Amino acid sequence: MSFDRQLLDIICCPATHAPLKLMPDSLLERLNSRIESGEIKQRDDSQVTEPLVQALITEDERLAYPIRDDIPLLLEEFGIVIAQADGS
């Protein structure tokens, strides 16, 4: 089973209410590299310990939300600030 892309028409970022899209593979790889290094935190300040298989990202590419077992975790505390992928 995979994420139902039709959901993108009805869901939005819980923090900003911005539209969401699937995270591009190139960004997913960069983020996962930083997760493996222990450098990525969620908005609730807890460390992300599991690599992301898929994620949703706001259209402005500032916040991301993991998709686990084909379910997007759309709670503010699960949000990941994308600037962390570049070390910011």
PDB file of N, CA and C in Angstrom:
ATOM      1  N   MET A   1       0.845  -1.177   0.000  1.00  0.00           N
ATOM      2  CA  MET A   1       0.000   0.000   0.000  1.00  0.00           C
ATOM      3  C   MET A   1       0.890   1.240   0.000  1.00  0.00           C
ATOM      4  N   SER A   2       0.452   2.292  -0.653  1.00  0.00           N
ATOM      5  CA  SER A   2       1.237   3.518  -0.671  1.00  0.00           C
ATOM      6  C   SER A   2       0.328   4.707  -0.369  1.00  0.00           C
ATOM      7  N   PHE A   3       0.953   5.832  -0.077  1.00  0.00           N
ATOM      8  CA  PHE A   3       0.223   7.040   0.277  1.00  0.00           C
ATOM      9  C   PHE A   3      -0.735   7.440  -0.840  1.00  0.00           C
ATOM     10  N   ASP A   4      -1.955   7.740  -0.482  1.00  0.00           N
ATOM     11  CA  ASP A   4      -2.993   8.137  -1.433  1.00  0.00           C
ATOM     12  C   ASP A   4      -2.818   9.614  -1.780  1.00  0.00           C
ATOM     13  N   ARG A   5      -2.336   9.883  -2.978  1.00  0.00           N
ATOM     14  CA  ARG A   5      -2.059  11.256  -3.408  1.00  0.00           C
ATOM     15  C   ARG A   5      -3.312  12.124  -3.477  1.00  0.00           C
ATOM     16  N   GLN A   6      -4.487  11.533  -3.558  1.00  0.00           N
ATOM     17  CA  GLN A   6      -5.722  12.322  -3.583  1.00  0.00           C
ATOM     18  C   GLN A   6      -5.927  13.056  -2.255  1.00  0.00           C
ATOM     19  N   LEU A   7      -5.309  12.551  -1.186  1.00  0.00           N
ATOM     20  CA  LEU A   7      -5.410  13.234   0.100  1.00  0.00           C
ATOM     21  C   LEU A   7      -4.795  14.631   0.058  1.00  0.00           C
ATOM     22  N   LEU A   8      -3.845  14.842  -0.844  1.00  0.00           N
ATOM     23  CA  LEU A   8      -3.189  16.144  -0.930  1.00  0.00           C
ATOM     24  C   LEU A   8      -4.169  17.261  -1.278  1.00  0.00           C
ATOM     25  N   ASP A   9      -5.314  16.909  -1.837  1.00  0.00           N
ATOM     26  CA  ASP A   9      -6.327  17.907  -2.173  1.00  0.00           C
ATOM     27  C   ASP A   9      -7.102  18.389  -0.941  1.00  0.00           C
ATOM     28  N   ILE A  10      -7.062  17.605   0.153  1.00  0.00           N
ATOM     29  CA  ILE A  10      -7.895  17.948   1.305  1.00  0.00           C
ATOM     30  C   ILE A  10      -7.126  18.171   2.606  1.00  0.00           C
ATOM     31  N   ILE A  11      -5.835  17.853   2.636  1.00  0.00           N
ATOM     32  CA  ILE A  11      -5.075  18.053   3.870  1.00  0.00           C
ATOM     33  C   ILE A  11      -4.158  19.265   3.744  1.00  0.00           C
ATOM     34  N   CYS A  12      -3.732  19.773   4.900  1.00  0.00           N
ATOM     35  CA  CYS A  12      -2.823  20.917   4.901  1.00  0.00           C
ATOM     36  C   CYS A  12      -1.931  20.846   6.131  1.00  0.00           C
ATOM     37  N   CYS A  13      -0.942  21.707   6.175  1.00  0.00           N
ATOM     38  CA  CYS A  13      -0.032  21.791   7.307  1.00  0.00           C
ATOM     39  C   CYS A  13      -0.831  22.190   8.549  1.00  0.00           C
ATOM     40  N   PRO A  14      -0.696  21.440   9.649  1.00  0.00           N
ATOM     41  CA  PRO A  14      -1.445  21.798  10.856  1.00  0.00           C
ATOM     42  C   PRO A  14      -0.949  23.085  11.520  1.00  0.00           C
ATOM     43  N   ALA A  15       0.279  23.482  11.252  1.00  0.00           N
ATOM     44  CA  ALA A  15       0.841  24.687  11.875  1.00  0.00           C
ATOM     45  C   ALA A  15       0.534  25.947  11.068  1.00  0.00           C
ATOM     46  N   THR A  16       0.690  25.864   9.750  1.00  0.00           N
ATOM     47  CA  THR A  16       0.559  27.063   8.904  1.00  0.00           C
ATOM     48  C   THR A  16      -0.660  27.029   7.986  1.00  0.00           C
ATOM     49  N   HIS A  17      -1.279  25.873   7.870  1.00  0.00           N
ATOM     50  CA  HIS A  17      -2.428  25.645   6.978  1.00  0.00           C
ATOM     51  C   HIS A  17      -2.042  25.768   5.505  1.00  0.00           C
ATOM     52  N   ALA A  18      -0.743  25.703   5.220  1.00  0.00           N
ATOM     53  CA  ALA A  18      -0.258  25.746   3.838  1.00  0.00           C
ATOM     54  C   ALA A  18      -0.525  24.399   3.160  1.00  0.00           C
ATOM     55  N   PRO A  19      -0.702  24.414   1.839  1.00  0.00           N
ATOM     56  CA  PRO A  19      -0.857  23.155   1.101  1.00  0.00           C
ATOM     57  C   PRO A  19       0.393  22.284   1.248  1.00  0.00           C
ATOM     58  N   LEU A  20       0.202  20.979   1.112  1.00  0.00           N
ATOM     59  CA  LEU A  20       1.301  20.017   1.231  1.00  0.00           C
ATOM     60  C   LEU A  20       1.515  19.293  -0.085  1.00  0.00           C
ATOM     61  N   LYS A  21       2.738  18.825  -0.271  1.00  0.00           N
ATOM     62  CA  LYS A  21       3.096  18.004  -1.426  1.00  0.00           C
ATOM     63  C   LYS A  21       4.053  16.929  -0.942  1.00  0.00           C
ATOM     64  N   LEU A  22       4.284  15.923  -1.764  1.00  0.00           N
ATOM     65  CA  LEU A  22       5.264  14.891  -1.402  1.00  0.00           C
ATOM     66  C   LEU A  22       6.668  15.482  -1.453  1.00  0.00           C
ATOM     67  N   MET A  23       7.491  15.108  -0.494  1.00  0.00           N
ATOM     68  CA  MET A  23       8.867  15.608  -0.446  1.00  0.00           C
ATOM     69  C   MET A  23       9.673  15.001  -1.595  1.00  0.00           C
ATOM     70  N   PRO A  24      10.426  15.816  -2.318  1.00  0.00           N
ATOM     71  CA  PRO A  24      11.275  15.285  -3.396  1.00  0.00           C
ATOM     72  C   PRO A  24      12.349  14.347  -2.819  1.00  0.00           C
ATOM     73  N   ASP A  25      12.706  13.338  -3.606  1.00  0.00           N
ATOM     74  CA  ASP A  25      13.690  12.341  -3.161  1.00  0.00           C
ATOM     75  C   ASP A  25      15.027  12.966  -2.769  1.00  0.00           C
ATOM     76  N   SER A  26      15.466  13.977  -3.495  1.00  0.00           N
ATOM     77  CA  SER A  26      16.765  14.594  -3.197  1.00  0.00           C
ATOM     78  C   SER A  26      16.778  15.221  -1.802  1.00  0.00           C
ATOM     79  N   LEU A  27      15.693  15.875  -1.435  1.00  0.00           N
ATOM     80  CA  LEU A  27      15.596  16.474  -0.108  1.00  0.00           C
ATOM     81  C   LEU A  27      15.438  15.392   0.957  1.00  0.00           C
ATOM     82  N   LEU A  28      14.682  14.358   0.651  1.00  0.00           N
ATOM     83  CA  LEU A  28      14.501  13.240   1.567  1.00  0.00           C
ATOM     84  C   LEU A  28      15.846  12.595   1.897  1.00  0.00           C
ATOM     85  N   GLU A  29      16.689  12.423   0.894  1.00  0.00           N
ATOM     86  CA  GLU A  29      18.022  11.844   1.108  1.00  0.00           C
ATOM     87  C   GLU A  29      18.878  12.739   1.999  1.00  0.00           C
ATOM     88  N   ARG A  30      18.861  14.050   1.754  1.00  0.00           N
ATOM     89  CA  ARG A  30      19.640  14.982   2.592  1.00  0.00           C
ATOM     90  C   ARG A  30      19.158  14.964   4.033  1.00  0.00           C
ATOM     91  N   LEU A  31      17.854  14.973   4.203  1.00  0.00           N
ATOM     92  CA  LEU A  31      17.281  14.959   5.538  1.00  0.00           C
ATOM     93  C   LEU A  31      17.614  13.659   6.255  1.00  0.00           C
ATOM     94  N   ASN A  32      17.499  12.532   5.559  1.00  0.00           N
ATOM     95  CA  ASN A  32      17.822  11.238   6.172  1.00  0.00           C
ATOM     96  C   ASN A  32      19.288  11.138   6.562  1.00  0.00           C
ATOM     97  N   SER A  33      20.153  11.730   5.791  1.00  0.00           N
ATOM     98  CA  SER A  33      21.575  11.741   6.139  1.00  0.00           C
ATOM     99  C   SER A  33      21.788  12.459   7.472  1.00  0.00           C
ATOM    100  N   ARG A  34      21.097  13.575   7.657  1.00  0.00           N
ATOM    101  CA  ARG A  34      21.203  14.340   8.911  1.00  0.00           C
ATOM    102  C   ARG A  34      20.504  13.612  10.068  1.00  0.00           C
ATOM    103  N   ILE A  35      19.427  12.877   9.768  1.00  0.00           N
ATOM    104  CA  ILE A  35      18.758  12.074  10.802  1.00  0.00           C
ATOM    105  C   ILE A  35      19.720  11.009  11.309  1.00  0.00           C
ATOM    106  N   GLU A  36      20.411  10.330  10.396  1.00  0.00           N
ATOM    107  CA  GLU A  36      21.377   9.299  10.782  1.00  0.00           C
ATOM    108  C   GLU A  36      22.500   9.866  11.634  1.00  0.00           C
ATOM    109  N   SER A  37      22.824  11.139  11.442  1.00  0.00           N
ATOM    110  CA  SER A  37      23.869  11.797  12.222  1.00  0.00           C
ATOM    111  C   SER A  37      23.344  12.338  13.552  1.00  0.00           C
ATOM    112  N   GLY A  38      22.047  12.171  13.792  1.00  0.00           N
ATOM    113  CA  GLY A  38      21.453  12.646  15.037  1.00  0.00           C
ATOM    114  C   GLY A  38      21.267  14.147  15.104  1.00  0.00           C
ATOM    115  N   GLU A  39      21.125  14.796  13.940  1.00  0.00           N
ATOM    116  CA  GLU A  39      21.081  16.253  13.895  1.00  0.00           C
ATOM    117  C   GLU A  39      19.697  16.845  13.623  1.00  0.00           C
ATOM    118  N   ILE A  40      18.666  16.019  13.532  1.00  0.00           N
ATOM    119  CA  ILE A  40      17.342  16.522  13.185  1.00  0.00           C
ATOM    120  C   ILE A  40      16.389  16.354  14.363  1.00  0.00           C
ATOM    121  N   LYS A  41      15.652  17.435  14.637  1.00  0.00           N
ATOM    122  CA  LYS A  41      14.665  17.418  15.706  1.00  0.00           C
ATOM    123  C   LYS A  41      13.297  17.791  15.150  1.00  0.00           C
ATOM    124  N   GLN A  42      12.279  17.279  15.808  1.00  0.00           N
ATOM    125  CA  GLN A  42      10.912  17.659  15.498  1.00  0.00           C
ATOM    126  C   GLN A  42      10.622  18.996  16.164  1.00  0.00           C
ATOM    127  N   ARG A  43       9.483  19.568  15.850  1.00  0.00           N
ATOM    128  CA  ARG A  43       9.120  20.866  16.425  1.00  0.00           C
ATOM    129  C   ARG A  43       8.939  20.804  17.936  1.00  0.00           C
ATOM    130  N   ASP A  44       8.674  19.615  18.493  1.00  0.00           N
ATOM    131  CA  ASP A  44       8.554  19.487  19.950  1.00  0.00           C
ATOM    132  C   ASP A  44       9.914  19.305  20.612  1.00  0.00           C
ATOM    133  N   ASP A  45      10.982  19.463  19.835  1.00  0.00           N
ATOM    134  CA  ASP A  45      12.380  19.388  20.273  1.00  0.00           C
ATOM    135  C   ASP A  45      12.871  17.964  20.532  1.00  0.00           C
ATOM    136  N   SER A  46      12.091  16.954  20.170  1.00  0.00           N
ATOM    137  CA  SER A  46      12.564  15.579  20.306  1.00  0.00           C
ATOM    138  C   SER A  46      13.336  15.189  19.050  1.00  0.00           C
ATOM    139  N   GLN A  47      14.336  14.364  19.243  1.00  0.00           N
ATOM    140  CA  GLN A  47      15.192  13.951  18.130  1.00  0.00           C
ATOM    141  C   GLN A  47      14.477  12.962  17.226  1.00  0.00           C
ATOM    142  N   VAL A  48      14.642  13.129  15.926  1.00  0.00           N
ATOM    143  CA  VAL A  48      14.116  12.171  14.953  1.00  0.00           C
ATOM    144  C   VAL A  48      15.124  11.035  14.874  1.00  0.00           C
ATOM    145  N   THR A  49      14.685   9.822  15.145  1.00  0.00           N
ATOM    146  CA  THR A  49      15.600   8.682  15.179  1.00  0.00           C
ATOM    147  C   THR A  49      15.407   7.708  14.030  1.00  0.00           C
ATOM    148  N   GLU A  50      14.246   7.730  13.402  1.00  0.00           N
ATOM    149  CA  GLU A  50      13.975   6.816  12.286  1.00  0.00           C
ATOM    150  C   GLU A  50      14.079   7.564  10.960  1.00  0.00           C
ATOM    151  N   PRO A  51      14.766   6.994   9.981  1.00  0.00           N
ATOM    152  CA  PRO A  51      14.806   7.621   8.656  1.00  0.00           C
ATOM    153  C   PRO A  51      13.392   7.712   8.079  1.00  0.00           C
ATOM    154  N   LEU A  52      13.194   8.685   7.227  1.00  0.00           N
ATOM    155  CA  LEU A  52      11.898   8.879   6.588  1.00  0.00           C
ATOM    156  C   LEU A  52      11.838   8.096   5.287  1.00  0.00           C
ATOM    157  N   VAL A  53      10.791   7.323   5.121  1.00  0.00           N
ATOM    158  CA  VAL A  53      10.567   6.613   3.861  1.00  0.00           C
ATOM    159  C   VAL A  53       9.864   7.549   2.894  1.00  0.00           C
ATOM    160  N   GLN A  54       8.902   8.293   3.419  1.00  0.00           N
ATOM    161  CA  GLN A  54       8.178   9.310   2.674  1.00  0.00           C
ATOM    162  C   GLN A  54       7.866  10.441   3.631  1.00  0.00           C
ATOM    163  N   ALA A  55       7.617  11.621   3.092  1.00  0.00           N
ATOM    164  CA  ALA A  55       7.222  12.760   3.913  1.00  0.00           C
ATOM    165  C   ALA A  55       6.427  13.739   3.063  1.00  0.00           C
ATOM    166  N   LEU A  56       5.614  14.514   3.738  1.00  0.00           N
ATOM    167  CA  LEU A  56       4.914  15.618   3.103  1.00  0.00           C
ATOM    168  C   LEU A  56       5.622  16.893   3.490  1.00  0.00           C
ATOM    169  N   ILE A  57       5.632  17.846   2.584  1.00  0.00           N
ATOM    170  CA  ILE A  57       6.325  19.104   2.814  1.00  0.00           C
ATOM    171  C   ILE A  57       5.418  20.239   2.379  1.00  0.00           C
ATOM    172  N   THR A  58       5.486  21.347   3.099  1.00  0.00           N
ATOM    173  CA  THR A  58       4.690  22.502   2.701  1.00  0.00           C
ATOM    174  C   THR A  58       5.198  23.008   1.353  1.00  0.00           C
ATOM    175  N   GLU A  59       4.335  23.659   0.608  1.00  0.00           N
ATOM    176  CA  GLU A  59       4.724  24.133  -0.720  1.00  0.00           C
ATOM    177  C   GLU A  59       5.890  25.111  -0.670  1.00  0.00           C
ATOM    178  N   ASP A  60       6.043  25.846   0.457  1.00  0.00           N
ATOM    179  CA  ASP A  60       7.184  26.755   0.583  1.00  0.00           C
ATOM    180  C   ASP A  60       8.444  26.033   1.080  1.00  0.00           C
ATOM    181  N   GLU A  61       8.319  24.724   1.293  1.00  0.00           N
ATOM    182  CA  GLU A  61       9.417  23.832   1.696  1.00  0.00           C
ATOM    183  C   GLU A  61      10.085  24.250   3.010  1.00  0.00           C
ATOM    184  N   ARG A  62       9.273  24.683   3.957  1.00  0.00           N
ATOM    185  CA  ARG A  62       9.799  25.060   5.275  1.00  0.00           C
ATOM    186  C   ARG A  62       9.537  24.016   6.340  1.00  0.00           C
ATOM    187  N   LEU A  63       8.428  23.279   6.233  1.00  0.00           N
ATOM    188  CA  LEU A  63       8.073  22.269   7.223  1.00  0.00           C
ATOM    189  C   LEU A  63       7.747  20.954   6.528  1.00  0.00           C
ATOM    190  N   ALA A  64       8.093  19.862   7.205  1.00  0.00           N
ATOM    191  CA  ALA A  64       7.794  18.531   6.676  1.00  0.00           C
ATOM    192  C   ALA A  64       7.129  17.693   7.760  1.00  0.00           C
ATOM    193  N   TYR A  65       6.365  16.717   7.310  1.00  0.00           N
ATOM    194  CA  TYR A  65       5.689  15.786   8.208  1.00  0.00           C
ATOM    195  C   TYR A  65       5.927  14.371   7.690  1.00  0.00           C
ATOM    196  N   PRO A  66       6.376  13.474   8.571  1.00  0.00           N
ATOM    197  CA  PRO A  66       6.644  12.104   8.136  1.00  0.00           C
ATOM    198  C   PRO A  66       5.370  11.358   7.749  1.00  0.00           C
ATOM    199  N   ILE A  67       5.544  10.406   6.859  1.00  0.00           N
ATOM    200  CA  ILE A  67       4.494   9.446   6.524  1.00  0.00           C
ATOM    201  C   ILE A  67       4.992   8.106   7.036  1.00  0.00           C
ATOM    202  N   ARG A  68       4.280   7.527   7.967  1.00  0.00           N
ATOM    203  CA  ARG A  68       4.641   6.227   8.545  1.00  0.00           C
ATOM    204  C   ARG A  68       3.526   5.233   8.233  1.00  0.00           C
ATOM    205  N   ASP A  69       3.892   4.088   7.691  1.00  0.00           N
ATOM    206  CA  ASP A  69       2.909   3.060   7.335  1.00  0.00           C
ATOM    207  C   ASP A  69       1.783   3.642   6.490  1.00  0.00           C
ATOM    208  N   ASP A  70       2.148   4.511   5.545  1.00  0.00           N
ATOM    209  CA  ASP A  70       1.224   5.149   4.599  1.00  0.00           C
ATOM    210  C   ASP A  70       0.273   6.151   5.251  1.00  0.00           C
ATOM    211  N   ILE A  71       0.548   6.547   6.490  1.00  0.00           N
ATOM    212  CA  ILE A  71      -0.296   7.513   7.192  1.00  0.00           C
ATOM    213  C   ILE A  71       0.525   8.761   7.500  1.00  0.00           C
ATOM    214  N   PRO A  72       0.100   9.938   6.993  1.00  0.00           N
ATOM    215  CA  PRO A  72       0.831  11.164   7.315  1.00  0.00           C
ATOM    216  C   PRO A  72       0.594  11.556   8.775  1.00  0.00           C
ATOM    217  N   LEU A  73       1.671  11.873   9.479  1.00  0.00           N
ATOM    218  CA  LEU A  73       1.582  12.266  10.885  1.00  0.00           C
ATOM    219  C   LEU A  73       1.434  13.792  10.944  1.00  0.00           C
ATOM    220  N   LEU A  74       0.207  14.238  10.810  1.00  0.00           N
ATOM    221  CA  LEU A  74      -0.070  15.666  10.688  1.00  0.00           C
ATOM    222  C   LEU A  74      -0.436  16.286  12.033  1.00  0.00           C
ATOM    223  N   LEU A  75       0.495  16.220  12.956  1.00  0.00           N
ATOM    224  CA  LEU A  75       0.393  16.912  14.226  1.00  0.00           C
ATOM    225  C   LEU A  75       1.567  17.875  14.298  1.00  0.00           C
ATOM    226  N   GLU A  76       1.318  19.071  14.842  1.00  0.00           N
ATOM    227  CA  GLU A  76       2.373  20.090  14.875  1.00  0.00           C
ATOM    228  C   GLU A  76       3.672  19.581  15.466  1.00  0.00           C
ATOM    229  N   GLU A  77       3.586  18.808  16.532  1.00  0.00           N
ATOM    230  CA  GLU A  77       4.804  18.343  17.197  1.00  0.00           C
ATOM    231  C   GLU A  77       5.655  17.418  16.333  1.00  0.00           C
ATOM    232  N   PHE A  78       5.069  16.769  15.324  1.00  0.00           N
ATOM    233  CA  PHE A  78       5.829  15.901  14.421  1.00  0.00           C
ATOM    234  C   PHE A  78       6.489  16.672  13.285  1.00  0.00           C
ATOM    235  N   GLY A  79       6.189  17.951  13.167  1.00  0.00           N
ATOM    236  CA  GLY A  79       6.769  18.768  12.106  1.00  0.00           C
ATOM    237  C   GLY A  79       8.290  18.848  12.217  1.00  0.00           C
ATOM    238  N   ILE A  80       8.932  18.894  11.071  1.00  0.00           N
ATOM    239  CA  ILE A  80      10.394  19.013  11.001  1.00  0.00           C
ATOM    240  C   ILE A  80      10.703  20.276  10.203  1.00  0.00           C
ATOM    241  N   VAL A  81      11.479  21.161  10.804  1.00  0.00           N
ATOM    242  CA  VAL A  81      11.884  22.379  10.108  1.00  0.00           C
ATOM    243  C   VAL A  81      12.943  21.992   9.077  1.00  0.00           C
ATOM    244  N   ILE A  82      12.664  22.238   7.818  1.00  0.00           N
ATOM    245  CA  ILE A  82      13.515  21.793   6.719  1.00  0.00           C
ATOM    246  C   ILE A  82      14.887  22.455   6.713  1.00  0.00           C
ATOM    247  N   ALA A  83      15.008  23.644   7.264  1.00  0.00           N
ATOM    248  CA  ALA A  83      16.319  24.320   7.303  1.00  0.00           C
ATOM    249  C   ALA A  83      17.372  23.445   7.973  1.00  0.00           C
ATOM    250  N   GLN A  84      16.945  22.504   8.819  1.00  0.00           N
ATOM    251  CA  GLN A  84      17.891  21.600   9.479  1.00  0.00           C
ATOM    252  C   GLN A  84      18.617  20.688   8.477  1.00  0.00           C
ATOM    253  N   ALA A  85      17.984  20.434   7.342  1.00  0.00           N
ATOM    254  CA  ALA A  85      18.585  19.555   6.331  1.00  0.00           C
ATOM    255  C   ALA A  85      19.857  20.167   5.766  1.00  0.00           C
ATOM    256  N   ASP A  86      19.949  21.499   5.862  1.00  0.00           N
ATOM    257  CA  ASP A  86      21.130  22.200   5.357  1.00  0.00           C
ATOM    258  C   ASP A  86      22.040  22.651   6.489  1.00  0.00           C
ATOM    259  N   GLY A  87      21.740  22.201   7.707  1.00  0.00           N
ATOM    260  CA  GLY A  87      22.578  22.550   8.837  1.00  0.00           C
ATOM    261  C   GLY A  87      22.230  23.872   9.486  1.00  0.00           C
ATOM    262  N   SER A  88      21.088  24.449   9.128  1.00  0.00           N
ATOM    263  CA  SER A  88      20.673  25.739   9.705  1.00  0.00           C
ATOM    264  C   SER A  88      19.885  25.532  10.981  1.00  0.00           C
TER     265      SER A  88
END
